[in-house]
Amino acid sequence: MPAPYSYDLRQKVINAIELDGIPKTEASQVFHVSRNTINLWLQRKEHTGDFLPKPNRPPGHSHQITDWQKFKAFAQEHGHKTSAQMAELWDDDISPRTISRALKKIGFT
């Protein structure tokens, strides 16, 4: 995913449109930013009061197993069962594949 445009550039574009009265199309050409992007910045400013970029999420995804001590105890107790059976017994909605990866991570396989 490309990095968002800098706040400085956003500010220059918005100021050129709002303060200097430059049409959006001209600002788009001068600053090499698409007209659609300018419209999105103006909409964001209208709704939030600023045109800051949306915060980026860190790479990866939220992990379903966060308490590894609890999972190790669970694996000791239910290690003789299949991953599918263990997934059904786990507190949260979790896939058998996630159980398999977690077992491998704790060295239980």
C-alpha atoms as a PDB file:
ATOM      1  CA  MET A   1       0.000   0.000   0.000  1.00  0.00           C
ATOM      2  CA  PRO A   2       1.503   3.352  -0.974  1.00  0.00           C
ATOM      3  CA  ALA A   3       2.202   5.941   1.681  1.00  0.00           C
ATOM      4  CA  PRO A   4      -0.385   8.702   2.065  1.00  0.00           C
ATOM      5  CA  TYR A   5       0.340  12.152   0.698  1.00  0.00           C
ATOM      6  CA  SER A   6       2.151  14.358   3.201  1.00  0.00           C
ATOM      7  CA  TYR A   7       0.168  16.715   5.383  1.00  0.00           C
ATOM      8  CA  ASP A   8       2.217  19.594   3.973  1.00  0.00           C
ATOM      9  CA  LEU A   9       1.136  18.820   0.402  1.00  0.00           C
ATOM     10  CA  ARG A  10      -2.479  18.396   1.477  1.00  0.00           C
ATOM     11  CA  GLN A  11      -2.333  21.772   3.201  1.00  0.00           C
ATOM     12  CA  LYS A  12      -0.856  23.487   0.131  1.00  0.00           C
ATOM     13  CA  VAL A  13      -3.530  22.039  -2.148  1.00  0.00           C
ATOM     14  CA  ILE A  14      -6.429  22.897   0.165  1.00  0.00           C
ATOM     15  CA  ASN A  15      -5.085  26.420   0.799  1.00  0.00           C
ATOM     16  CA  ALA A  16      -4.663  27.010  -2.935  1.00  0.00           C
ATOM     17  CA  ILE A  17      -8.294  26.053  -3.486  1.00  0.00           C
ATOM     18  CA  GLU A  18      -9.893  27.696  -0.456  1.00  0.00           C
ATOM     19  CA  LEU A  19      -7.713  30.774   0.075  1.00  0.00           C
ATOM     20  CA  ASP A  20      -6.350  31.533  -3.387  1.00  0.00           C
ATOM     21  CA  GLY A  21      -9.474  30.488  -5.268  1.00  0.00           C
ATOM     22  CA  ILE A  22      -7.706  28.133  -7.662  1.00  0.00           C
ATOM     23  CA  PRO A  23     -10.154  25.708  -9.310  1.00  0.00           C
ATOM     24  CA  LYS A  24      -9.811  22.065  -8.247  1.00  0.00           C
ATOM     25  CA  THR A  25      -8.884  20.994 -11.767  1.00  0.00           C
ATOM     26  CA  GLU A  26      -6.017  23.475 -11.922  1.00  0.00           C
ATOM     27  CA  ALA A  27      -4.810  22.534  -8.423  1.00  0.00           C
ATOM     28  CA  SER A  28      -4.911  18.908  -9.507  1.00  0.00           C
ATOM     29  CA  GLN A  29      -2.594  19.647 -12.422  1.00  0.00           C
ATOM     30  CA  VAL A  30      -0.265  21.988 -10.515  1.00  0.00           C
ATOM     31  CA  PHE A  31       0.250  19.647  -7.550  1.00  0.00           C
ATOM     32  CA  HIS A  32       0.030  16.350  -9.513  1.00  0.00           C
ATOM     33  CA  VAL A  33      -2.801  15.038  -7.361  1.00  0.00           C
ATOM     34  CA  SER A  34      -5.975  13.556  -8.805  1.00  0.00           C
ATOM     35  CA  ARG A  35      -9.169  15.553  -8.667  1.00  0.00           C
ATOM     36  CA  ASN A  36     -10.833  12.668  -6.834  1.00  0.00           C
ATOM     37  CA  THR A  37      -8.153  12.790  -4.130  1.00  0.00           C
ATOM     38  CA  ILE A  38      -8.729  16.511  -3.664  1.00  0.00           C
ATOM     39  CA  ASN A  39     -12.464  15.887  -3.326  1.00  0.00           C
ATOM     40  CA  LEU A  40     -11.803  13.215  -0.695  1.00  0.00           C
ATOM     41  CA  TRP A  41      -9.585  15.599   1.278  1.00  0.00           C
ATOM     42  CA  LEU A  42     -12.245  18.310   1.160  1.00  0.00           C
ATOM     43  CA  GLN A  43     -14.917  15.831   2.277  1.00  0.00           C
ATOM     44  CA  ARG A  44     -12.717  14.681   5.148  1.00  0.00           C
ATOM     45  CA  LYS A  45     -12.134  18.297   6.181  1.00  0.00           C
ATOM     46  CA  GLU A  46     -15.879  18.941   6.090  1.00  0.00           C
ATOM     47  CA  HIS A  47     -16.646  15.897   8.261  1.00  0.00           C
ATOM     48  CA  THR A  48     -13.708  15.911  10.681  1.00  0.00           C
ATOM     49  CA  GLY A  49     -12.424  19.475  10.560  1.00  0.00           C
ATOM     50  CA  ASP A  50      -9.066  18.384   9.151  1.00  0.00           C
ATOM     51  CA  PHE A  51      -7.652  16.524   6.169  1.00  0.00           C
ATOM     52  CA  LEU A  52      -5.223  14.245   7.979  1.00  0.00           C
ATOM     53  CA  PRO A  53      -4.732  10.831   6.386  1.00  0.00           C
ATOM     54  CA  LYS A  54      -6.551   7.901   7.922  1.00  0.00           C
ATOM     55  CA  PRO A  55      -4.365   6.077  10.439  1.00  0.00           C
ATOM     56  CA  ASN A  56      -2.584   3.041   9.031  1.00  0.00           C
ATOM     57  CA  ARG A  57      -3.114  -0.331  10.583  1.00  0.00           C
ATOM     58  CA  PRO A  58      -0.008  -2.265  11.442  1.00  0.00           C
ATOM     59  CA  PRO A  59       0.747  -5.173   9.124  1.00  0.00           C
ATOM     60  CA  GLY A  60      -0.831  -8.485   9.969  1.00  0.00           C
ATOM     61  CA  HIS A  61      -4.128  -9.089  11.640  1.00  0.00           C
ATOM     62  CA  SER A  62      -5.487  -9.427  15.120  1.00  0.00           C
ATOM     63  CA  HIS A  63      -4.466 -12.687  16.675  1.00  0.00           C
ATOM     64  CA  GLN A  64      -7.200 -14.878  18.049  1.00  0.00           C
ATOM     65  CA  ILE A  65      -5.039 -16.570  20.651  1.00  0.00           C
ATOM     66  CA  THR A  66      -3.467 -14.014  22.943  1.00  0.00           C
ATOM     67  CA  ASP A  67      -3.180 -15.873  26.254  1.00  0.00           C
ATOM     68  CA  TRP A  68      -0.489 -18.415  25.447  1.00  0.00           C
ATOM     69  CA  GLN A  69      -0.320 -19.865  28.964  1.00  0.00           C
ATOM     70  CA  LYS A  70      -4.025 -20.613  28.786  1.00  0.00           C
ATOM     71  CA  PHE A  71      -3.578 -22.176  25.350  1.00  0.00           C
ATOM     72  CA  LYS A  72      -0.683 -24.360  26.541  1.00  0.00           C
ATOM     73  CA  ALA A  73      -2.836 -25.675  29.382  1.00  0.00           C
ATOM     74  CA  PHE A  74      -5.683 -26.227  26.916  1.00  0.00           C
ATOM     75  CA  ALA A  75      -3.334 -28.130  24.591  1.00  0.00           C
ATOM     76  CA  GLN A  76      -2.114 -30.327  27.448  1.00  0.00           C
ATOM     77  CA  GLU A  77      -5.677 -31.187  28.392  1.00  0.00           C
ATOM     78  CA  HIS A  78      -7.074 -31.685  24.875  1.00  0.00           C
ATOM     79  CA  GLY A  79      -3.956 -32.579  22.876  1.00  0.00           C
ATOM     80  CA  HIS A  80      -5.279 -36.047  22.045  1.00  0.00           C
ATOM     81  CA  LYS A  81      -8.184 -34.535  20.058  1.00  0.00           C
ATOM     82  CA  THR A  82      -8.222 -33.333  16.460  1.00  0.00           C
ATOM     83  CA  SER A  83      -7.751 -29.672  15.582  1.00  0.00           C
ATOM     84  CA  ALA A  84     -11.427 -29.460  14.620  1.00  0.00           C
ATOM     85  CA  GLN A  85     -12.508 -30.843  17.986  1.00  0.00           C
ATOM     86  CA  MET A  86     -10.145 -28.494  19.806  1.00  0.00           C
ATOM     87  CA  ALA A  87     -11.482 -25.532  17.807  1.00  0.00           C
ATOM     88  CA  GLU A  88     -15.011 -26.362  18.938  1.00  0.00           C
ATOM     89  CA  LEU A  89     -13.884 -26.524  22.568  1.00  0.00           C
ATOM     90  CA  TRP A  90     -11.917 -23.257  22.524  1.00  0.00           C
ATOM     91  CA  ASP A  91     -13.680 -20.275  24.155  1.00  0.00           C
ATOM     92  CA  ASP A  92     -13.765 -18.078  21.049  1.00  0.00           C
ATOM     93  CA  ASP A  93     -14.806 -18.799  17.484  1.00  0.00           C
ATOM     94  CA  ILE A  94     -11.603 -20.159  15.985  1.00  0.00           C
ATOM     95  CA  SER A  95     -10.703 -22.316  13.002  1.00  0.00           C
ATOM     96  CA  PRO A  96      -8.994 -25.700  13.143  1.00  0.00           C
ATOM     97  CA  ARG A  97      -6.182 -24.208  11.052  1.00  0.00           C
ATOM     98  CA  THR A  98      -5.581 -21.546  13.702  1.00  0.00           C
ATOM     99  CA  ILE A  99      -5.424 -24.284  16.345  1.00  0.00           C
ATOM    100  CA  SER A 100      -2.862 -26.154  14.219  1.00  0.00           C
ATOM    101  CA  ARG A 101      -0.693 -23.053  13.800  1.00  0.00           C
ATOM    102  CA  ALA A 102      -0.882 -22.303  17.516  1.00  0.00           C
ATOM    103  CA  LEU A 103       0.079 -25.880  18.419  1.00  0.00           C
ATOM    104  CA  LYS A 104       3.061 -25.623  16.122  1.00  0.00           C
ATOM    105  CA  LYS A 105       4.006 -22.260  17.626  1.00  0.00           C
ATOM    106  CA  ILE A 106       4.139 -23.688  21.152  1.00  0.00           C
ATOM    107  CA  GLY A 107       6.018 -26.763  19.925  1.00  0.00           C
ATOM    108  CA  PHE A 108       3.208 -29.181  20.690  1.00  0.00           C
ATOM    109  CA  THR A 109       3.127 -30.992  17.341  1.00  0.00           C
END
